Amino acid sequence: MQARRSTVDGADVERFERLGDDWWSPRGPMRALHQFNPQRVEWVSRQISARQISKRLPGAGKPLAGISILDIGCGGGILSEALAKIGARVTGIDPAPGNIDVARRHAEKSGLDIDYRAVTAEALAETGAVFDVVCAMEVIEHVTDMPAFVAAAGALARSGGLFFAATLNRTLKSFALAIVGAEYVLGWVPPGTHQWEKFVTPAELEEAMESAGLDPIARTGVVYDPLRGEWRQNRDMAVNYMMAAERRA
């Protein structure tokens, strides 16, 4: 079998690896991700629970008990830890060894058993590993070849399993809010974090999913409510959105 070509963007990997322990600073450069994370966890958990994709561990008492989840591009482990706390058996992967070191240290301090690995999705797919759920949250707008990445990531979901992606739509509104506003006016994320031309429209993501053997089943927009100072799910997908798909049998 021919090895998959890596879709990792080396410059982006270096940029995020430089964050170090700032990954876990709620008022640091990743503060917007910390604020956004509860919406990711709630939506992913709800979609999983609604489809009963895996047998629960009897008496476990946690919504994702017994479910194996792969968190691709886990960074410092913000999403991985949140999913592990509600029972999932989490594997977090990232091409940056420094990010994995940060994630491991923080999980140990939190008393969480998470399998972190410094590896790409393509390399892990070559091993034949599969999971009940695969998450690629805030990742696909950072890769060099989005369809190829979705194909590699989707191959890591077992037959009947779920694939989740959260990303940014390529619209004038997203340029104004996610680039100009978030990076240069509000300072939510460091300047240069995003490249607007690499943002992905819902239609492009759906096409990539379908080509990879994934059937889209759910989607939602996520918007920031400045009055409440929090993120909420919404029909508006012009900037941030999440999409779920099921792996074909």
C-alpha atoms as a PDB file:
ATOM      1  CA  MET A   1       0.000   0.000   0.000  1.00  0.00           C
ATOM      2  CA  GLN A   2       1.324   3.427  -0.954  1.00  0.00           C
ATOM      3  CA  ALA A   3       1.875   5.721   2.025  1.00  0.00           C
ATOM      4  CA  ARG A   4      -0.357   8.778   2.252  1.00  0.00           C
ATOM      5  CA  ARG A   5       1.316  12.122   1.639  1.00  0.00           C
ATOM      6  CA  SER A   6       1.299  14.308   4.735  1.00  0.00           C
ATOM      7  CA  THR A   7      -1.017  17.341   4.671  1.00  0.00           C
ATOM      8  CA  VAL A   8       0.718  19.013   7.622  1.00  0.00           C
ATOM      9  CA  ASP A   9       1.549  22.704   7.219  1.00  0.00           C
ATOM     10  CA  GLY A  10       4.951  23.009   8.896  1.00  0.00           C
ATOM     11  CA  ALA A  11       4.647  26.759   9.515  1.00  0.00           C
ATOM     12  CA  ASP A  12       1.335  26.321  11.325  1.00  0.00           C
ATOM     13  CA  VAL A  13       2.722  23.456  13.402  1.00  0.00           C
ATOM     14  CA  GLU A  14       5.645  25.621  14.514  1.00  0.00           C
ATOM     15  CA  ARG A  15       3.320  28.523  15.321  1.00  0.00           C
ATOM     16  CA  PHE A  16       1.140  26.440  17.629  1.00  0.00           C
ATOM     17  CA  GLU A  17       4.059  24.576  19.165  1.00  0.00           C
ATOM     18  CA  ARG A  18       5.529  27.897  20.309  1.00  0.00           C
ATOM     19  CA  LEU A  19       2.514  28.370  22.605  1.00  0.00           C
ATOM     20  CA  GLY A  20       3.945  25.906  25.124  1.00  0.00           C
ATOM     21  CA  ASP A  21       2.109  26.039  28.447  1.00  0.00           C
ATOM     22  CA  ASP A  22       0.113  29.034  27.192  1.00  0.00           C
ATOM     23  CA  TRP A  23      -2.247  26.439  25.703  1.00  0.00           C
ATOM     24  CA  TRP A  24      -3.778  26.202  29.176  1.00  0.00           C
ATOM     25  CA  SER A  25      -3.882  29.897  30.063  1.00  0.00           C
ATOM     26  CA  PRO A  26      -7.607  30.856  30.016  1.00  0.00           C
ATOM     27  CA  ARG A  27      -6.643  34.487  29.405  1.00  0.00           C
ATOM     28  CA  GLY A  28      -3.741  33.740  27.082  1.00  0.00           C
ATOM     29  CA  PRO A  29      -3.543  33.340  23.287  1.00  0.00           C
ATOM     30  CA  MET A  30      -5.924  30.348  23.345  1.00  0.00           C
ATOM     31  CA  ARG A  31      -8.614  32.054  25.465  1.00  0.00           C
ATOM     32  CA  ALA A  32     -11.090  32.080  22.549  1.00  0.00           C
ATOM     33  CA  LEU A  33     -10.669  28.299  22.201  1.00  0.00           C
ATOM     34  CA  HIS A  34     -11.265  27.823  25.934  1.00  0.00           C
ATOM     35  CA  GLN A  35     -14.495  29.823  25.622  1.00  0.00           C
ATOM     36  CA  PHE A  36     -15.545  27.935  22.487  1.00  0.00           C
ATOM     37  CA  ASN A  37     -14.736  24.476  23.850  1.00  0.00           C
ATOM     38  CA  PRO A  38     -17.973  23.895  25.841  1.00  0.00           C
ATOM     39  CA  GLN A  39     -19.992  24.245  22.621  1.00  0.00           C
ATOM     40  CA  ARG A  40     -17.758  21.701  20.865  1.00  0.00           C
ATOM     41  CA  VAL A  41     -18.094  19.206  23.704  1.00  0.00           C
ATOM     42  CA  GLU A  42     -21.869  19.642  24.075  1.00  0.00           C
ATOM     43  CA  TRP A  43     -22.572  19.245  20.362  1.00  0.00           C
ATOM     44  CA  VAL A  44     -20.246  16.291  19.830  1.00  0.00           C
ATOM     45  CA  SER A  45     -21.570  14.540  22.935  1.00  0.00           C
ATOM     46  CA  ARG A  46     -25.177  15.125  21.895  1.00  0.00           C
ATOM     47  CA  GLN A  47     -24.637  13.785  18.380  1.00  0.00           C
ATOM     48  CA  ILE A  48     -22.885  10.682  19.728  1.00  0.00           C
ATOM     49  CA  SER A  49     -25.583  10.005  22.330  1.00  0.00           C
ATOM     50  CA  ALA A  50     -28.379  10.468  19.789  1.00  0.00           C
ATOM     51  CA  ARG A  51     -26.956   7.722  17.577  1.00  0.00           C
ATOM     52  CA  GLN A  52     -25.978   5.162  20.195  1.00  0.00           C
ATOM     53  CA  ILE A  53     -22.860   4.358  18.211  1.00  0.00           C
ATOM     54  CA  SER A  54     -21.119   2.277  20.843  1.00  0.00           C
ATOM     55  CA  LYS A  55     -22.077   0.061  23.746  1.00  0.00           C
ATOM     56  CA  ARG A  56     -21.867   1.906  27.047  1.00  0.00           C
ATOM     57  CA  LEU A  57     -19.991   0.504  29.984  1.00  0.00           C
ATOM     58  CA  PRO A  58     -22.619  -0.736  32.499  1.00  0.00           C
ATOM     59  CA  GLY A  59     -23.028   1.569  35.467  1.00  0.00           C
ATOM     60  CA  ALA A  60     -20.329   3.967  34.279  1.00  0.00           C
ATOM     61  CA  GLY A  61     -22.570   7.004  34.798  1.00  0.00           C
ATOM     62  CA  LYS A  62     -20.855   9.172  32.189  1.00  0.00           C
ATOM     63  CA  PRO A  63     -22.382  10.047  28.784  1.00  0.00           C
ATOM     64  CA  LEU A  64     -19.435   8.897  26.658  1.00  0.00           C
ATOM     65  CA  ALA A  65     -18.346   5.893  28.707  1.00  0.00           C
ATOM     66  CA  GLY A  66     -17.093   3.038  26.517  1.00  0.00           C
ATOM     67  CA  ILE A  67     -16.565   5.199  23.422  1.00  0.00           C
ATOM     68  CA  SER A  68     -13.154   5.527  21.767  1.00  0.00           C
ATOM     69  CA  ILE A  69     -12.436   9.008  20.424  1.00  0.00           C
ATOM     70  CA  LEU A  70      -9.516  10.251  18.359  1.00  0.00           C
ATOM     71  CA  ASP A  71      -8.756  13.962  18.712  1.00  0.00           C
ATOM     72  CA  ILE A  72      -6.697  15.001  15.680  1.00  0.00           C
ATOM     73  CA  GLY A  73      -4.591  18.128  16.124  1.00  0.00           C
ATOM     74  CA  CYS A  74      -5.129  17.968  19.873  1.00  0.00           C
ATOM     75  CA  GLY A  75      -2.651  20.751  20.668  1.00  0.00           C
ATOM     76  CA  GLY A  76      -2.308  21.087  24.414  1.00  0.00           C
ATOM     77  CA  GLY A  77      -5.288  18.795  25.035  1.00  0.00           C
ATOM     78  CA  ILE A  78      -8.168  21.234  25.666  1.00  0.00           C
ATOM     79  CA  LEU A  79     -10.779  19.132  23.850  1.00  0.00           C
ATOM     80  CA  SER A  80      -9.198  15.778  24.727  1.00  0.00           C
ATOM     81  CA  GLU A  81      -9.423  16.440  28.460  1.00  0.00           C
ATOM     82  CA  ALA A  82     -13.018  17.650  28.273  1.00  0.00           C
ATOM     83  CA  LEU A  83     -14.067  14.477  26.430  1.00  0.00           C
ATOM     84  CA  ALA A  84     -12.119  12.238  28.810  1.00  0.00           C
ATOM     85  CA  LYS A  85     -13.870  13.837  31.791  1.00  0.00           C
ATOM     86  CA  ILE A  86     -17.235  12.630  30.484  1.00  0.00           C
ATOM     87  CA  GLY A  87     -16.052   9.073  30.038  1.00  0.00           C
ATOM     88  CA  ALA A  88     -14.519   8.751  26.582  1.00  0.00           C
ATOM     89  CA  ARG A  89     -11.366   6.726  25.971  1.00  0.00           C
ATOM     90  CA  VAL A  90      -9.387   9.452  24.224  1.00  0.00           C
ATOM     91  CA  THR A  91      -6.382   9.280  21.947  1.00  0.00           C
ATOM     92  CA  GLY A  92      -4.955  12.689  21.100  1.00  0.00           C
ATOM     93  CA  ILE A  93      -2.535  13.160  18.222  1.00  0.00           C
ATOM     94  CA  ASP A  94      -0.560  16.176  17.033  1.00  0.00           C
ATOM     95  CA  PRO A  95       2.430  16.500  14.689  1.00  0.00           C
ATOM     96  CA  ALA A  96       4.156  18.845  17.168  1.00  0.00           C
ATOM     97  CA  PRO A  97       6.030  16.935  19.909  1.00  0.00           C
ATOM     98  CA  GLY A  98       6.056  20.060  22.063  1.00  0.00           C
ATOM     99  CA  ASN A  99       2.255  20.178  22.070  1.00  0.00           C
ATOM    100  CA  ILE A 100       2.109  16.520  23.074  1.00  0.00           C
ATOM    101  CA  ASP A 101       4.513  17.175  25.969  1.00  0.00           C
ATOM    102  CA  VAL A 102       2.255  19.992  27.207  1.00  0.00           C
ATOM    103  CA  ALA A 103      -0.841  17.808  26.847  1.00  0.00           C
ATOM    104  CA  ARG A 104       0.717  14.874  28.710  1.00  0.00           C
ATOM    105  CA  ARG A 105       1.869  17.022  31.619  1.00  0.00           C
ATOM    106  CA  HIS A 106      -1.501  18.680  32.001  1.00  0.00           C
ATOM    107  CA  ALA A 107      -3.413  15.391  31.799  1.00  0.00           C
ATOM    108  CA  GLU A 108      -1.169  13.928  34.491  1.00  0.00           C
ATOM    109  CA  LYS A 109      -1.874  16.910  36.752  1.00  0.00           C
ATOM    110  CA  SER A 110      -5.594  16.483  36.053  1.00  0.00           C
ATOM    111  CA  GLY A 111      -5.519  12.775  36.847  1.00  0.00           C
ATOM    112  CA  LEU A 112      -6.692  11.815  33.352  1.00  0.00           C
ATOM    113  CA  ASP A 113      -5.587   8.774  31.355  1.00  0.00           C
ATOM    114  CA  ILE A 114      -5.263  10.013  27.758  1.00  0.00           C
ATOM    115  CA  ASP A 115      -3.170   8.337  25.062  1.00  0.00           C
ATOM    116  CA  TYR A 116      -1.203  11.194  23.488  1.00  0.00           C
ATOM    117  CA  ARG A 117       0.985  10.581  20.454  1.00  0.00           C
ATOM    118  CA  ALA A 118       3.184  12.840  18.321  1.00  0.00           C
ATOM    119  CA  VAL A 119       2.010  11.539  14.960  1.00  0.00           C
ATOM    120  CA  THR A 120       0.075  12.733  11.912  1.00  0.00           C
ATOM    121  CA  ALA A 121      -3.376  11.493  10.928  1.00  0.00           C
ATOM    122  CA  GLU A 122      -1.906  10.039   7.745  1.00  0.00           C
ATOM    123  CA  ALA A 123       0.727   8.048   9.630  1.00  0.00           C
ATOM    124  CA  LEU A 124      -1.806   6.738  12.140  1.00  0.00           C
ATOM    125  CA  ALA A 125      -4.185   5.725   9.336  1.00  0.00           C
ATOM    126  CA  GLU A 126      -1.405   3.608   7.840  1.00  0.00           C
ATOM    127  CA  THR A 127      -1.392   1.459  10.991  1.00  0.00           C
ATOM    128  CA  GLY A 128      -5.017   0.419  10.464  1.00  0.00           C
ATOM    129  CA  ALA A 129      -6.190   1.989  13.721  1.00  0.00           C
ATOM    130  CA  VAL A 130      -9.902   2.806  13.940  1.00  0.00           C
ATOM    131  CA  PHE A 131     -12.068   4.595  16.498  1.00  0.00           C
ATOM    132  CA  ASP A 132     -15.759   5.002  17.271  1.00  0.00           C
ATOM    133  CA  VAL A 133     -15.416   8.766  16.805  1.00  0.00           C
ATOM    134  CA  VAL A 134     -12.850  10.954  15.062  1.00  0.00           C
ATOM    135  CA  CYS A 135     -12.667  14.695  15.792  1.00  0.00           C
ATOM    136  CA  ALA A 136     -10.851  17.223  13.617  1.00  0.00           C
ATOM    137  CA  MET A 137     -11.803  20.451  15.350  1.00  0.00           C
ATOM    138  CA  GLU A 138     -10.231  23.719  14.155  1.00  0.00           C
ATOM    139  CA  VAL A 139      -7.797  21.674  12.077  1.00  0.00           C
ATOM    140  CA  ILE A 140      -8.875  21.511   8.448  1.00  0.00           C
ATOM    141  CA  GLU A 141      -8.291  25.234   7.868  1.00  0.00           C
ATOM    142  CA  HIS A 142      -4.636  24.647   8.742  1.00  0.00           C
ATOM    143  CA  VAL A 143      -3.753  21.719   6.438  1.00  0.00           C
ATOM    144  CA  THR A 144      -2.179  21.922   2.985  1.00  0.00           C
ATOM    145  CA  ASP A 145      -4.721  19.661   1.239  1.00  0.00           C
ATOM    146  CA  MET A 146      -8.161  19.608   2.850  1.00  0.00           C
ATOM    147  CA  PRO A 147      -9.740  16.750   0.822  1.00  0.00           C
ATOM    148  CA  ALA A 148      -6.672  14.530   1.330  1.00  0.00           C
ATOM    149  CA  PHE A 149      -6.705  15.263   5.044  1.00  0.00           C
ATOM    150  CA  VAL A 150     -10.423  14.444   5.357  1.00  0.00           C
ATOM    151  CA  ALA A 151      -9.803  11.167   3.511  1.00  0.00           C
ATOM    152  CA  ALA A 152      -7.009  10.192   5.915  1.00  0.00           C
ATOM    153  CA  ALA A 153      -8.927  11.314   8.997  1.00  0.00           C
ATOM    154  CA  GLY A 154     -12.139   9.674   7.839  1.00  0.00           C
ATOM    155  CA  ALA A 155     -10.342   6.361   7.366  1.00  0.00           C
ATOM    156  CA  LEU A 156      -9.677   6.376  11.108  1.00  0.00           C
ATOM    157  CA  ALA A 157     -13.402   6.129  11.894  1.00  0.00           C
ATOM    158  CA  ARG A 158     -14.746   2.601  12.051  1.00  0.00           C
ATOM    159  CA  SER A 159     -17.654   1.500   9.876  1.00  0.00           C
ATOM    160  CA  GLY A 160     -20.742   3.225  11.275  1.00  0.00           C
ATOM    161  CA  GLY A 161     -18.563   5.535  13.372  1.00  0.00           C
ATOM    162  CA  LEU A 162     -18.726   9.319  13.398  1.00  0.00           C
ATOM    163  CA  PHE A 163     -16.435  12.037  12.065  1.00  0.00           C
ATOM    164  CA  PHE A 164     -16.640  15.602  13.393  1.00  0.00           C
ATOM    165  CA  ALA A 165     -15.103  18.767  12.023  1.00  0.00           C
ATOM    166  CA  ALA A 166     -15.233  22.366  13.249  1.00  0.00           C
ATOM    167  CA  THR A 167     -13.858  25.059  10.992  1.00  0.00           C
ATOM    168  CA  LEU A 168     -14.297  28.515   9.476  1.00  0.00           C
ATOM    169  CA  ASN A 169     -16.371  29.365   6.423  1.00  0.00           C
ATOM    170  CA  ARG A 170     -14.712  31.312   3.607  1.00  0.00           C
ATOM    171  CA  THR A 171     -16.943  34.377   3.438  1.00  0.00           C
ATOM    172  CA  LEU A 172     -16.475  38.143   3.595  1.00  0.00           C
ATOM    173  CA  LYS A 173     -18.038  38.008   7.051  1.00  0.00           C
ATOM    174  CA  SER A 174     -15.444  35.506   8.254  1.00  0.00           C
ATOM    175  CA  PHE A 175     -12.646  37.687   6.890  1.00  0.00           C
ATOM    176  CA  ALA A 176     -14.023  40.679   8.778  1.00  0.00           C
ATOM    177  CA  LEU A 177     -14.667  38.831  12.053  1.00  0.00           C
ATOM    178  CA  ALA A 178     -12.183  35.945  12.210  1.00  0.00           C
ATOM    179  CA  ILE A 179      -9.203  37.694  10.625  1.00  0.00           C
ATOM    180  CA  VAL A 180      -9.531  41.460  11.065  1.00  0.00           C
ATOM    181  CA  GLY A 181     -11.663  41.387  14.211  1.00  0.00           C
ATOM    182  CA  ALA A 182     -10.364  38.370  16.150  1.00  0.00           C
ATOM    183  CA  GLU A 183      -6.680  38.721  15.257  1.00  0.00           C
ATOM    184  CA  TYR A 184      -6.049  42.444  14.837  1.00  0.00           C
ATOM    185  CA  VAL A 185      -8.810  44.343  16.654  1.00  0.00           C
ATOM    186  CA  LEU A 186      -9.839  42.183  19.621  1.00  0.00           C
ATOM    187  CA  GLY A 187      -6.603  40.219  19.892  1.00  0.00           C
ATOM    188  CA  TRP A 188      -8.454  36.960  20.628  1.00  0.00           C
ATOM    189  CA  VAL A 189      -5.815  34.946  18.764  1.00  0.00           C
ATOM    190  CA  PRO A 190      -2.281  35.875  17.662  1.00  0.00           C
ATOM    191  CA  PRO A 191      -2.038  37.660  14.273  1.00  0.00           C
ATOM    192  CA  GLY A 192      -1.302  35.209  11.465  1.00  0.00           C
ATOM    193  CA  THR A 193      -3.128  32.310  13.145  1.00  0.00           C
ATOM    194  CA  HIS A 194      -5.488  31.976  10.183  1.00  0.00           C
ATOM    195  CA  GLN A 195      -5.234  32.299   6.420  1.00  0.00           C
ATOM    196  CA  TRP A 196      -8.590  33.271   4.912  1.00  0.00           C
ATOM    197  CA  GLU A 197      -7.902  31.507   1.613  1.00  0.00           C
ATOM    198  CA  LYS A 198      -7.636  28.203   3.538  1.00  0.00           C
ATOM    199  CA  PHE A 199     -11.064  28.577   5.135  1.00  0.00           C
ATOM    200  CA  VAL A 200     -13.535  25.914   3.970  1.00  0.00           C
ATOM    201  CA  THR A 201     -17.127  26.362   2.826  1.00  0.00           C
ATOM    202  CA  PRO A 202     -19.739  23.846   4.041  1.00  0.00           C
ATOM    203  CA  ALA A 203     -20.253  22.686   0.459  1.00  0.00           C
ATOM    204  CA  GLU A 204     -16.515  21.997   0.057  1.00  0.00           C
ATOM    205  CA  LEU A 205     -16.389  20.088   3.327  1.00  0.00           C
ATOM    206  CA  GLU A 206     -19.448  18.015   2.449  1.00  0.00           C
ATOM    207  CA  GLU A 207     -17.937  17.129  -0.926  1.00  0.00           C
ATOM    208  CA  ALA A 208     -14.678  16.066   0.733  1.00  0.00           C
ATOM    209  CA  MET A 209     -16.570  13.986   3.292  1.00  0.00           C
ATOM    210  CA  GLU A 210     -18.658  12.203   0.669  1.00  0.00           C
ATOM    211  CA  SER A 211     -15.569  11.461  -1.442  1.00  0.00           C
ATOM    212  CA  ALA A 212     -13.948   9.969   1.671  1.00  0.00           C
ATOM    213  CA  GLY A 213     -16.851   7.577   2.337  1.00  0.00           C
ATOM    214  CA  LEU A 214     -18.484   9.787   4.961  1.00  0.00           C
ATOM    215  CA  ASP A 215     -22.159  10.733   4.853  1.00  0.00           C
ATOM    216  CA  PRO A 216     -22.893  14.195   6.370  1.00  0.00           C
ATOM    217  CA  ILE A 217     -25.650  13.917   8.986  1.00  0.00           C
ATOM    218  CA  ALA A 218     -25.664  17.146  11.009  1.00  0.00           C
ATOM    219  CA  ARG A 219     -24.368  20.700  11.018  1.00  0.00           C
ATOM    220  CA  THR A 220     -24.572  23.827  13.134  1.00  0.00           C
ATOM    221  CA  GLY A 221     -23.203  27.331  13.163  1.00  0.00           C
ATOM    222  CA  VAL A 222     -21.566  28.776  16.270  1.00  0.00           C
ATOM    223  CA  VAL A 223     -21.688  32.517  16.956  1.00  0.00           C
ATOM    224  CA  TYR A 224     -20.305  34.771  19.663  1.00  0.00           C
ATOM    225  CA  ASP A 225     -22.854  36.603  21.823  1.00  0.00           C
ATOM    226  CA  PRO A 226     -21.116  39.819  22.963  1.00  0.00           C
ATOM    227  CA  LEU A 227     -23.899  40.664  25.433  1.00  0.00           C
ATOM    228  CA  ARG A 228     -23.414  37.404  27.344  1.00  0.00           C
ATOM    229  CA  GLY A 229     -19.745  37.064  26.521  1.00  0.00           C
ATOM    230  CA  GLU A 230     -20.157  33.472  25.369  1.00  0.00           C
ATOM    231  CA  TRP A 231     -20.503  31.269  22.295  1.00  0.00           C
ATOM    232  CA  ARG A 232     -23.796  29.659  21.319  1.00  0.00           C
ATOM    233  CA  GLN A 233     -25.038  27.379  18.570  1.00  0.00           C
ATOM    234  CA  ASN A 234     -26.978  29.053  15.786  1.00  0.00           C
ATOM    235  CA  ARG A 235     -28.171  28.503  12.225  1.00  0.00           C
ATOM    236  CA  ASP A 236     -25.699  31.136  11.042  1.00  0.00           C
ATOM    237  CA  MET A 237     -22.770  29.244   9.490  1.00  0.00           C
ATOM    238  CA  ALA A 238     -21.186  32.277   7.821  1.00  0.00           C
ATOM    239  CA  VAL A 239     -18.179  32.243  10.169  1.00  0.00           C
ATOM    240  CA  ASN A 240     -17.767  29.290  12.575  1.00  0.00           C
ATOM    241  CA  TYR A 241     -19.519  25.994  12.012  1.00  0.00           C
ATOM    242  CA  MET A 242     -19.397  22.311  12.958  1.00  0.00           C
ATOM    243  CA  MET A 243     -20.344  19.302  10.836  1.00  0.00           C
ATOM    244  CA  ALA A 244     -20.801  15.599  11.594  1.00  0.00           C
ATOM    245  CA  ALA A 245     -20.692  12.630   9.231  1.00  0.00           C
ATOM    246  CA  GLU A 246     -21.137   8.872   9.510  1.00  0.00           C
ATOM    247  CA  ARG A 247     -18.659   6.385   8.065  1.00  0.00           C
ATOM    248  CA  ARG A 248     -20.286   4.183   5.450  1.00  0.00           C
ATOM    249  CA  ALA A 249     -20.385   0.454   6.070  1.00  0.00           C
END
